[in-house]
Amino acid sequence: MNLTLIATLAGLALAIVVSASLGGAEGTGVAGGYLFGGALGLLGVSYQNHILRTRPSQVMNASMVAFLFKLFGALLGVLSLRFLEPLARVAEWRSFLLAYAAAVLLSLVFGSIDISRALKRRSAH
C-alpha cells in the first residue's frame, strides 16, 4: 500500500498544479475528480489488502467489487456534475472525469503492484 499511497499523493500534486493553471470550473473539476478518484482507488486497494489478509480465496471477488465501486463513483460524479445546475457551475464534468480516470488508473496500477508483492511475501512463508 505504501507505493500506491506515494503514487497517489504525487498524482495529487500534479492535479493541483493543473487545477491551479486551468482555474474556474475546469480546474475545480480536475481537483475534485482526482480527489474523488484517488480516495476511491485507495479505498479499493485497502479493501483488497484486507481481504487478502482475512480471506485470501476471495481476492478476485474483492477486485471486482472495488472496480464496481469505482465505476459507480464515476457514474455518480459525472451525472451529478452534468445534470445538477448548481454543481455544474462549480465544476466541469469532462475535466472531472479525466482526472477521476487518471487517479483510478494510477491506484489500479500501483495497487496491483503492492498486492502482487503482498501475495509474493505470503507465498514465501
C-alpha atoms as a PDB file:
ATOM      1  CA  MET A   1       0.000   0.000   0.000  1.00  0.00           C
ATOM      2  CA  ASN A   2       2.951   2.328   0.515  1.00  0.00           C
ATOM      3  CA  LEU A   3       3.760   2.538  -3.187  1.00  0.00           C
ATOM      4  CA  THR A   4       0.105   3.187  -4.009  1.00  0.00           C
ATOM      5  CA  LEU A   5      -0.125   5.961  -1.450  1.00  0.00           C
ATOM      6  CA  ILE A   6       3.086   7.629  -2.656  1.00  0.00           C
ATOM      7  CA  ALA A   7       1.973   7.467  -6.302  1.00  0.00           C
ATOM      8  CA  THR A   8      -1.473   8.822  -5.438  1.00  0.00           C
ATOM      9  CA  LEU A   9      -0.004  11.736  -3.496  1.00  0.00           C
ATOM     10  CA  ALA A  10       2.431  12.525  -6.330  1.00  0.00           C
ATOM     11  CA  GLY A  11      -0.509  12.489  -8.736  1.00  0.00           C
ATOM     12  CA  LEU A  12      -2.434  14.769  -6.400  1.00  0.00           C
ATOM     13  CA  ALA A  13       0.396  17.314  -6.507  1.00  0.00           C
ATOM     14  CA  LEU A  14       0.283  17.239 -10.311  1.00  0.00           C
ATOM     15  CA  ALA A  15      -3.519  17.517 -10.312  1.00  0.00           C
ATOM     16  CA  ILE A  16      -3.355  20.572  -8.042  1.00  0.00           C
ATOM     17  CA  VAL A  17      -0.839  22.242 -10.375  1.00  0.00           C
ATOM     18  CA  VAL A  18      -3.062  21.518 -13.390  1.00  0.00           C
ATOM     19  CA  SER A  19      -6.122  22.668 -11.463  1.00  0.00           C
ATOM     20  CA  ALA A  20      -4.480  25.953 -10.494  1.00  0.00           C
ATOM     21  CA  SER A  21      -3.326  26.606 -14.043  1.00  0.00           C
ATOM     22  CA  LEU A  22      -6.771  25.939 -15.516  1.00  0.00           C
ATOM     23  CA  GLY A  23      -8.766  27.789 -12.899  1.00  0.00           C
ATOM     24  CA  GLY A  24     -12.526  28.154 -12.924  1.00  0.00           C
ATOM     25  CA  ALA A  25     -14.914  25.250 -13.293  1.00  0.00           C
ATOM     26  CA  GLU A  26     -12.392  23.216 -15.278  1.00  0.00           C
ATOM     27  CA  GLY A  27      -9.785  23.499 -12.534  1.00  0.00           C
ATOM     28  CA  THR A  28     -12.312  22.612  -9.865  1.00  0.00           C
ATOM     29  CA  GLY A  29     -13.355  19.609 -11.943  1.00  0.00           C
ATOM     30  CA  VAL A  30      -9.743  18.408 -12.126  1.00  0.00           C
ATOM     31  CA  ALA A  31      -9.187  18.811  -8.383  1.00  0.00           C
ATOM     32  CA  GLY A  32     -12.495  17.226  -7.447  1.00  0.00           C
ATOM     33  CA  GLY A  33     -12.169  14.369  -9.904  1.00  0.00           C
ATOM     34  CA  TYR A  34      -8.676  13.481  -8.775  1.00  0.00           C
ATOM     35  CA  LEU A  35      -9.552  13.684  -5.084  1.00  0.00           C
ATOM     36  CA  PHE A  36     -12.663  11.537  -5.516  1.00  0.00           C
ATOM     37  CA  GLY A  37     -10.946   9.015  -7.787  1.00  0.00           C
ATOM     38  CA  GLY A  38      -7.883   8.834  -5.572  1.00  0.00           C
ATOM     39  CA  ALA A  39      -9.987   8.309  -2.464  1.00  0.00           C
ATOM     40  CA  LEU A  40     -11.996   5.509  -4.059  1.00  0.00           C
ATOM     41  CA  GLY A  41      -8.832   4.000  -5.535  1.00  0.00           C
ATOM     42  CA  LEU A  42      -7.070   3.919  -2.176  1.00  0.00           C
ATOM     43  CA  LEU A  43     -10.201   2.573  -0.521  1.00  0.00           C
ATOM     44  CA  GLY A  44     -10.388  -0.217  -3.107  1.00  0.00           C
ATOM     45  CA  VAL A  45      -6.735  -1.200  -2.628  1.00  0.00           C
ATOM     46  CA  SER A  46      -7.170  -1.121   1.138  1.00  0.00           C
ATOM     47  CA  TYR A  47     -10.226  -3.362   0.865  1.00  0.00           C
ATOM     48  CA  GLN A  48      -8.342  -5.811  -1.354  1.00  0.00           C
ATOM     49  CA  ASN A  49      -5.442  -5.912   1.129  1.00  0.00           C
ATOM     50  CA  HIS A  50      -7.884  -6.578   3.957  1.00  0.00           C
ATOM     51  CA  ILE A  51      -9.487  -9.443   2.040  1.00  0.00           C
ATOM     52  CA  LEU A  52      -6.034 -10.797   1.194  1.00  0.00           C
ATOM     53  CA  ARG A  53      -5.182 -10.961   4.908  1.00  0.00           C
ATOM     54  CA  THR A  54      -8.509 -12.342   6.118  1.00  0.00           C
ATOM     55  CA  ARG A  55      -9.948 -14.430   3.249  1.00  0.00           C
ATOM     56  CA  PRO A  56      -7.304 -14.941   0.561  1.00  0.00           C
ATOM     57  CA  SER A  57      -9.582 -17.071  -1.591  1.00  0.00           C
ATOM     58  CA  GLN A  58     -11.866 -14.063  -2.115  1.00  0.00           C
ATOM     59  CA  VAL A  59      -9.252 -11.639  -3.510  1.00  0.00           C
ATOM     60  CA  MET A  60     -10.613 -11.807  -7.063  1.00  0.00           C
ATOM     61  CA  ASN A  61     -14.123 -11.019  -5.817  1.00  0.00           C
ATOM     62  CA  ALA A  62     -12.720  -8.067  -3.851  1.00  0.00           C
ATOM     63  CA  SER A  63     -11.071  -6.761  -7.035  1.00  0.00           C
ATOM     64  CA  MET A  64     -14.378  -6.895  -8.868  1.00  0.00           C
ATOM     65  CA  VAL A  65     -16.233  -5.179  -6.019  1.00  0.00           C
ATOM     66  CA  ALA A  66     -13.606  -2.421  -5.902  1.00  0.00           C
ATOM     67  CA  PHE A  67     -13.886  -1.959  -9.673  1.00  0.00           C
ATOM     68  CA  LEU A  68     -17.671  -1.697  -9.486  1.00  0.00           C
ATOM     69  CA  PHE A  69     -17.445   0.930  -6.744  1.00  0.00           C
ATOM     70  CA  LYS A  70     -15.048   2.963  -8.900  1.00  0.00           C
ATOM     71  CA  LEU A  71     -17.356   2.624 -11.898  1.00  0.00           C
ATOM     72  CA  PHE A  72     -20.350   3.665  -9.810  1.00  0.00           C
ATOM     73  CA  GLY A  73     -18.358   6.616  -8.439  1.00  0.00           C
ATOM     74  CA  ALA A  74     -17.571   7.816 -11.956  1.00  0.00           C
ATOM     75  CA  LEU A  75     -21.203   7.500 -12.990  1.00  0.00           C
ATOM     76  CA  LEU A  76     -22.464   9.287  -9.899  1.00  0.00           C
ATOM     77  CA  GLY A  77     -19.920  12.106 -10.223  1.00  0.00           C
ATOM     78  CA  VAL A  78     -20.447  12.718 -13.922  1.00  0.00           C
ATOM     79  CA  LEU A  79     -24.236  12.607 -13.750  1.00  0.00           C
ATOM     80  CA  SER A  80     -24.235  14.952 -10.763  1.00  0.00           C
ATOM     81  CA  LEU A  81     -21.966  17.478 -12.457  1.00  0.00           C
ATOM     82  CA  ARG A  82     -23.742  17.169 -15.786  1.00  0.00           C
ATOM     83  CA  PHE A  83     -27.356  17.496 -14.692  1.00  0.00           C
ATOM     84  CA  LEU A  84     -27.366  19.361 -11.361  1.00  0.00           C
ATOM     85  CA  GLU A  85     -27.036  23.012 -12.326  1.00  0.00           C
ATOM     86  CA  PRO A  86     -25.533  24.306  -9.036  1.00  0.00           C
ATOM     87  CA  LEU A  87     -22.774  21.691  -9.244  1.00  0.00           C
ATOM     88  CA  ALA A  88     -22.274  22.232 -12.976  1.00  0.00           C
ATOM     89  CA  ARG A  89     -21.461  25.897 -12.341  1.00  0.00           C
ATOM     90  CA  VAL A  90     -18.760  24.937  -9.843  1.00  0.00           C
ATOM     91  CA  ALA A  91     -17.043  22.012 -11.607  1.00  0.00           C
ATOM     92  CA  GLU A  92     -16.918  20.943 -15.239  1.00  0.00           C
ATOM     93  CA  TRP A  93     -17.862  17.281 -15.734  1.00  0.00           C
ATOM     94  CA  ARG A  94     -15.357  16.476 -18.522  1.00  0.00           C
ATOM     95  CA  SER A  95     -12.334  17.634 -16.537  1.00  0.00           C
ATOM     96  CA  PHE A  96     -13.740  15.798 -13.500  1.00  0.00           C
ATOM     97  CA  LEU A  97     -13.993  12.562 -15.479  1.00  0.00           C
ATOM     98  CA  LEU A  98     -10.477  12.815 -16.945  1.00  0.00           C
ATOM     99  CA  ALA A  99      -8.890  13.487 -13.563  1.00  0.00           C
ATOM    100  CA  TYR A 100     -11.020  10.775 -11.941  1.00  0.00           C
ATOM    101  CA  ALA A 101      -9.899   8.250 -14.564  1.00  0.00           C
ATOM    102  CA  ALA A 102      -6.254   9.234 -14.091  1.00  0.00           C
ATOM    103  CA  ALA A 103      -6.482   8.774 -10.315  1.00  0.00           C
ATOM    104  CA  VAL A 104      -8.246   5.429 -10.603  1.00  0.00           C
ATOM    105  CA  LEU A 105      -5.756   4.195 -13.201  1.00  0.00           C
ATOM    106  CA  LEU A 106      -2.842   5.255 -11.019  1.00  0.00           C
ATOM    107  CA  SER A 107      -4.251   3.450  -7.991  1.00  0.00           C
ATOM    108  CA  LEU A 108      -5.047   0.404 -10.113  1.00  0.00           C
ATOM    109  CA  VAL A 109      -1.524   0.068 -11.473  1.00  0.00           C
ATOM    110  CA  PHE A 110       0.356   0.744  -8.253  1.00  0.00           C
ATOM    111  CA  GLY A 111      -2.230  -1.083  -6.153  1.00  0.00           C
ATOM    112  CA  SER A 112      -1.742  -4.176  -8.313  1.00  0.00           C
ATOM    113  CA  ILE A 113       1.994  -3.948  -7.760  1.00  0.00           C
ATOM    114  CA  ASP A 114       1.505  -3.650  -3.987  1.00  0.00           C
ATOM    115  CA  ILE A 115      -0.953  -6.553  -3.886  1.00  0.00           C
ATOM    116  CA  SER A 116       1.287  -8.778  -6.016  1.00  0.00           C
ATOM    117  CA  ARG A 117       4.181  -8.022  -3.631  1.00  0.00           C
ATOM    118  CA  ALA A 118       1.978  -8.973  -0.689  1.00  0.00           C
ATOM    119  CA  LEU A 119       1.000 -12.199  -2.439  1.00  0.00           C
ATOM    120  CA  LYS A 120       4.635 -12.980  -3.130  1.00  0.00           C
ATOM    121  CA  ARG A 121       5.536 -12.420   0.538  1.00  0.00           C
ATOM    122  CA  ARG A 122       2.594 -14.533   1.606  1.00  0.00           C
ATOM    123  CA  SER A 123       3.559 -17.455  -0.648  1.00  0.00           C
ATOM    124  CA  ALA A 124       7.194 -17.294   0.534  1.00  0.00           C
ATOM    125  CA  HIS A 125       6.118 -18.135   4.095  1.00  0.00           C
END
